[in-house]
Amino acid sequence: MGDDELAEIRRKRLAQMQQQAVDQQEDMEKQQRQDAQIQMILMQVLEPEARERLNTIKLTKPEFARAVEQQLIMLAQSGRIKQKITDVQLKELLRQLVPAKKDFKIRRKG
């Protein structure tokens, strides 16, 4: 393998790595724009206390919070939300979305 071939391989590899970096940057910017849009919609449909509760849930259960956000956005876009959702209403919605826990009682024979 000559120096020219080696230089060509390096040049191609460098171009490939630069393209990957550009693609990653574009993906990050797209994600940031989507997050900003989600936050804007949530600000329009949630009272401050309800938004605070959702942010708290996001810290402990990010997947669940994301699902709730998507549900709220779908409701808002379909026009089913007529007024801002209060904290009490959000609690009720969360209670409906959380699957019921099963209680297990363990009895030991003596």
C-alpha atoms as a PDB file:
ATOM      1  CA  MET A   1       0.000   0.000   0.000  1.00  0.00           C
ATOM      2  CA  GLY A   2       1.530   3.282  -1.104  1.00  0.00           C
ATOM      3  CA  ASP A   3       1.492   6.656   0.551  1.00  0.00           C
ATOM      4  CA  ASP A   4      -1.072   7.919  -1.954  1.00  0.00           C
ATOM      5  CA  GLU A   5      -3.483   5.079  -1.153  1.00  0.00           C
ATOM      6  CA  LEU A   6      -3.023   5.620   2.558  1.00  0.00           C
ATOM      7  CA  ALA A   7      -3.639   9.353   2.203  1.00  0.00           C
ATOM      8  CA  GLU A   8      -6.785   8.672   0.170  1.00  0.00           C
ATOM      9  CA  ILE A   9      -8.112   6.261   2.815  1.00  0.00           C
ATOM     10  CA  ARG A  10      -7.422   8.824   5.555  1.00  0.00           C
ATOM     11  CA  ARG A  11      -9.124  11.561   3.550  1.00  0.00           C
ATOM     12  CA  LYS A  12     -12.223   9.410   3.008  1.00  0.00           C
ATOM     13  CA  ARG A  13     -12.339   8.407   6.677  1.00  0.00           C
ATOM     14  CA  LEU A  14     -12.011  12.046   7.785  1.00  0.00           C
ATOM     15  CA  ALA A  15     -14.826  13.092   5.429  1.00  0.00           C
ATOM     16  CA  GLN A  16     -17.001  10.271   6.792  1.00  0.00           C
ATOM     17  CA  MET A  17     -16.348  11.298  10.398  1.00  0.00           C
ATOM     18  CA  GLN A  18     -17.117  14.946   9.594  1.00  0.00           C
ATOM     19  CA  GLN A  19     -20.407  13.951   7.962  1.00  0.00           C
ATOM     20  CA  GLN A  20     -21.357  11.896  11.029  1.00  0.00           C
ATOM     21  CA  ALA A  21     -20.638  14.889  13.266  1.00  0.00           C
ATOM     22  CA  VAL A  22     -22.837  17.123  11.088  1.00  0.00           C
ATOM     23  CA  ASP A  23     -25.634  14.532  11.144  1.00  0.00           C
ATOM     24  CA  GLN A  24     -25.443  14.258  14.943  1.00  0.00           C
ATOM     25  CA  GLN A  25     -25.572  18.040  15.288  1.00  0.00           C
ATOM     26  CA  GLU A  26     -28.646  18.211  13.032  1.00  0.00           C
ATOM     27  CA  ASP A  27     -30.360  15.468  15.037  1.00  0.00           C
ATOM     28  CA  MET A  28     -29.671  17.317  18.297  1.00  0.00           C
ATOM     29  CA  GLU A  29     -31.051  20.573  16.892  1.00  0.00           C
ATOM     30  CA  LYS A  30     -34.157  18.791  15.602  1.00  0.00           C
ATOM     31  CA  GLN A  31     -34.723  17.208  19.030  1.00  0.00           C
ATOM     32  CA  GLN A  32     -34.305  20.588  20.734  1.00  0.00           C
ATOM     33  CA  ARG A  33     -36.866  22.164  18.390  1.00  0.00           C
ATOM     34  CA  GLN A  34     -39.331  19.347  19.113  1.00  0.00           C
ATOM     35  CA  ASP A  35     -38.789  19.725  22.866  1.00  0.00           C
ATOM     36  CA  ALA A  36     -39.368  23.474  22.606  1.00  0.00           C
ATOM     37  CA  GLN A  37     -42.619  22.904  20.696  1.00  0.00           C
ATOM     38  CA  ILE A  38     -43.799  20.394  23.291  1.00  0.00           C
ATOM     39  CA  GLN A  39     -43.063  22.844  26.109  1.00  0.00           C
ATOM     40  CA  MET A  40     -44.928  25.638  24.306  1.00  0.00           C
ATOM     41  CA  ILE A  41     -48.022  23.460  23.876  1.00  0.00           C
ATOM     42  CA  LEU A  42     -47.863  22.323  27.501  1.00  0.00           C
ATOM     43  CA  MET A  43     -47.616  25.936  28.656  1.00  0.00           C
ATOM     44  CA  GLN A  44     -50.814  26.659  26.729  1.00  0.00           C
ATOM     45  CA  VAL A  45     -52.797  23.699  28.105  1.00  0.00           C
ATOM     46  CA  LEU A  46     -51.515  23.320  31.688  1.00  0.00           C
ATOM     47  CA  GLU A  47     -51.784  25.567  34.706  1.00  0.00           C
ATOM     48  CA  PRO A  48     -48.367  26.301  36.320  1.00  0.00           C
ATOM     49  CA  GLU A  49     -48.983  23.862  39.190  1.00  0.00           C
ATOM     50  CA  ALA A  50     -49.914  21.071  36.785  1.00  0.00           C
ATOM     51  CA  ARG A  51     -46.841  21.777  34.658  1.00  0.00           C
ATOM     52  CA  GLU A  52     -44.694  21.653  37.794  1.00  0.00           C
ATOM     53  CA  ARG A  53     -46.214  18.285  38.751  1.00  0.00           C
ATOM     54  CA  LEU A  54     -45.510  16.905  35.269  1.00  0.00           C
ATOM     55  CA  ASN A  55     -41.904  18.124  35.471  1.00  0.00           C
ATOM     56  CA  THR A  56     -41.510  16.392  38.829  1.00  0.00           C
ATOM     57  CA  ILE A  57     -42.847  13.164  37.364  1.00  0.00           C
ATOM     58  CA  LYS A  58     -40.420  13.547  34.463  1.00  0.00           C
ATOM     59  CA  LEU A  59     -37.521  13.393  36.933  1.00  0.00           C
ATOM     60  CA  THR A  60     -38.596  10.046  38.375  1.00  0.00           C
ATOM     61  CA  LYS A  61     -40.437   8.409  35.471  1.00  0.00           C
ATOM     62  CA  PRO A  62     -39.313  10.034  32.194  1.00  0.00           C
ATOM     63  CA  GLU A  63     -41.017   7.480  29.923  1.00  0.00           C
ATOM     64  CA  PHE A  64     -44.345   7.821  31.715  1.00  0.00           C
ATOM     65  CA  ALA A  65     -44.100  11.629  31.679  1.00  0.00           C
ATOM     66  CA  ARG A  66     -43.338  11.568  27.949  1.00  0.00           C
ATOM     67  CA  ALA A  67     -46.422   9.408  27.366  1.00  0.00           C
ATOM     68  CA  VAL A  68     -48.562  11.829  29.385  1.00  0.00           C
ATOM     69  CA  GLU A  69     -47.156  14.777  27.422  1.00  0.00           C
ATOM     70  CA  GLN A  70     -47.980  13.058  24.130  1.00  0.00           C
ATOM     71  CA  GLN A  71     -51.512  12.354  25.367  1.00  0.00           C
ATOM     72  CA  LEU A  72     -52.005  15.995  26.372  1.00  0.00           C
ATOM     73  CA  ILE A  73     -50.645  17.231  23.042  1.00  0.00           C
ATOM     74  CA  MET A  74     -52.988  14.933  21.123  1.00  0.00           C
ATOM     75  CA  LEU A  75     -55.944  16.199  23.172  1.00  0.00           C
ATOM     76  CA  ALA A  76     -54.920  19.811  22.586  1.00  0.00           C
ATOM     77  CA  GLN A  77     -54.406  19.363  18.848  1.00  0.00           C
ATOM     78  CA  SER A  78     -57.750  17.626  18.463  1.00  0.00           C
ATOM     79  CA  GLY A  79     -59.470  20.536  20.230  1.00  0.00           C
ATOM     80  CA  ARG A  80     -60.708  18.443  23.150  1.00  0.00           C
ATOM     81  CA  ILE A  81     -59.095  20.728  25.748  1.00  0.00           C
ATOM     82  CA  LYS A  82     -61.295  23.795  26.187  1.00  0.00           C
ATOM     83  CA  GLN A  83     -59.499  25.382  29.138  1.00  0.00           C
ATOM     84  CA  LYS A  84     -56.190  25.013  30.943  1.00  0.00           C
ATOM     85  CA  ILE A  85     -55.823  21.806  32.910  1.00  0.00           C
ATOM     86  CA  THR A  86     -55.489  22.360  36.652  1.00  0.00           C
ATOM     87  CA  ASP A  87     -53.317  20.359  39.020  1.00  0.00           C
ATOM     88  CA  VAL A  88     -56.388  18.512  40.332  1.00  0.00           C
ATOM     89  CA  GLN A  89     -57.462  17.574  36.799  1.00  0.00           C
ATOM     90  CA  LEU A  90     -53.933  16.415  35.957  1.00  0.00           C
ATOM     91  CA  LYS A  91     -53.864  14.260  39.100  1.00  0.00           C
ATOM     92  CA  GLU A  92     -57.099  12.612  38.013  1.00  0.00           C
ATOM     93  CA  LEU A  93     -55.728  12.037  34.516  1.00  0.00           C
ATOM     94  CA  LEU A  94     -52.569  10.522  35.977  1.00  0.00           C
ATOM     95  CA  ARG A  95     -54.629   8.298  38.259  1.00  0.00           C
ATOM     96  CA  GLN A  96     -56.485   6.989  35.193  1.00  0.00           C
ATOM     97  CA  LEU A  97     -53.288   6.385  33.225  1.00  0.00           C
ATOM     98  CA  VAL A  98     -51.351   4.609  35.966  1.00  0.00           C
ATOM     99  CA  PRO A  99     -52.094   0.911  35.839  1.00  0.00           C
ATOM    100  CA  ALA A 100     -53.713  -0.416  38.968  1.00  0.00           C
ATOM    101  CA  LYS A 101     -51.257  -2.046  41.342  1.00  0.00           C
ATOM    102  CA  LYS A 102     -51.994  -5.517  42.530  1.00  0.00           C
ATOM    103  CA  ASP A 103     -51.853  -6.063  46.255  1.00  0.00           C
ATOM    104  CA  PHE A 104     -50.245  -9.279  47.371  1.00  0.00           C
ATOM    105  CA  LYS A 105     -50.808 -10.659  50.816  1.00  0.00           C
ATOM    106  CA  ILE A 106     -48.383 -13.243  52.026  1.00  0.00           C
ATOM    107  CA  ARG A 107     -49.467 -15.474  54.854  1.00  0.00           C
ATOM    108  CA  ARG A 108     -46.961 -17.693  56.548  1.00  0.00           C
ATOM    109  CA  LYS A 109     -48.007 -20.898  58.109  1.00  0.00           C
ATOM    110  CA  GLY A 110     -46.743 -21.107  61.563  1.00  0.00           C
END
